Amino acid sequence: MIDLHTFSDTSGTGTAAAVYAVIYQETGVGQELIAARARLAKKGLTIPRLELVSLHIAANLVDNVTNALDRYPVRCVYGW
């Protein structure tokens, strides 16, 4: 089973998102970075607006990762 954890954050200079997988196997549990994306912030945008931009990047990123893992059992997707 796989759980996907999506993180996003922003600052005045840039915004970023990352997707980590927590993989549960009979031999144990493993964690791995699956995908990440970052971009520079446009001038004049407020921090709340940049937070929305980072959430949009994270949602698109986790959707792409979920589609790529269509053969594997993704149990839950968490957003942080």
Protein backbone atom coordinates (compact mmCIF):
# COMPACT_ATOMS: atom_id res chain seq x y z
CA MET A 1 0.00 0.00 0.00
CA ILE A 2 1.08 3.54 -0.70
CA ASP A 3 0.16 6.78 1.06
CA LEU A 4 0.98 10.04 -0.72
CA HIS A 5 1.84 13.12 1.35
CA THR A 6 1.80 16.47 -0.44
CA PHE A 7 3.50 19.54 1.02
CA SER A 8 3.34 23.10 -0.27
CA ASP A 9 4.68 26.39 0.98
CA THR A 10 5.52 29.85 -0.22
CA SER A 11 7.58 32.90 0.64
CA GLY A 12 7.89 36.34 -0.83
CA THR A 13 10.41 35.11 -3.39
CA GLY A 14 9.11 31.69 -4.43
CA THR A 15 6.65 28.87 -4.04
CA ALA A 16 7.14 25.10 -3.96
CA ALA A 17 5.38 21.75 -3.65
CA ALA A 18 6.59 18.20 -3.03
CA VAL A 19 5.01 14.73 -3.02
CA TYR A 20 6.39 11.99 -0.77
CA ALA A 21 5.32 8.34 -0.82
CA VAL A 22 5.10 6.20 2.29
CA ILE A 23 5.25 2.59 1.14
CA TYR A 24 4.02 -0.20 3.40
CA GLN A 25 5.49 -3.64 2.66
CA GLU A 26 5.84 -6.91 4.53
CA THR A 27 9.52 -6.14 5.09
CA GLY A 28 8.85 -2.68 6.58
CA VAL A 29 7.94 0.89 5.79
CA GLY A 30 9.84 3.15 3.40
CA GLN A 31 9.60 6.84 2.53
CA GLU A 32 10.73 8.48 -0.67
CA LEU A 33 10.45 11.81 -2.46
CA ILE A 34 8.45 11.19 -5.63
CA ALA A 35 8.18 14.62 -7.26
CA ALA A 36 8.78 18.29 -6.50
CA ARG A 37 8.19 21.58 -8.24
CA ALA A 38 9.17 25.18 -7.53
CA ARG A 39 8.83 28.54 -9.20
CA LEU A 40 9.71 32.12 -8.53
CA ALA A 41 6.95 34.37 -7.22
CA LYS A 42 5.58 37.12 -9.42
CA LYS A 43 6.14 40.62 -8.11
CA GLY A 44 3.24 42.30 -6.37
CA LEU A 45 1.37 39.18 -5.24
CA THR A 46 0.40 38.93 -1.60
CA ILE A 47 1.41 35.99 0.59
CA PRO A 48 -2.19 34.63 0.74
CA ARG A 49 -2.36 34.69 -3.06
CA LEU A 50 1.03 32.94 -3.28
CA GLU A 51 -0.23 30.30 -0.84
CA LEU A 52 -3.10 29.62 -3.25
CA VAL A 53 -0.61 29.34 -6.11
CA SER A 54 1.46 26.81 -4.15
CA LEU A 55 -1.69 24.80 -3.34
CA HIS A 56 -2.60 24.76 -7.02
CA ILE A 57 0.88 23.51 -7.92
CA ALA A 58 0.61 20.83 -5.23
CA ALA A 59 -2.83 19.68 -6.40
CA ASN A 60 -1.66 19.37 -10.00
CA LEU A 61 1.52 17.59 -8.92
CA VAL A 62 -0.24 15.00 -6.74
CA ASP A 63 -2.82 14.42 -9.49
CA ASN A 64 -0.03 13.69 -11.99
CA VAL A 65 1.71 11.36 -9.52
CA THR A 66 -1.55 9.52 -8.77
CA ASN A 67 -2.18 9.05 -12.49
CA ALA A 68 1.36 7.74 -12.98
CA LEU A 69 0.87 5.25 -10.13
CA ASP A 70 -2.41 3.87 -11.50
CA ARG A 71 -1.14 0.26 -11.30
CA TYR A 72 -0.17 0.55 -7.65
CA PRO A 73 -2.52 0.59 -4.64
CA VAL A 74 -2.61 4.23 -3.49
CA ARG A 75 -4.56 4.11 -0.22
CA CYS A 76 -4.69 7.78 0.84
CA VAL A 77 -3.57 11.20 -0.35
CA TYR A 78 -2.76 13.77 2.34
CA GLY A 79 -2.25 17.50 1.83
CA TRP A 80 -0.15 19.53 4.25
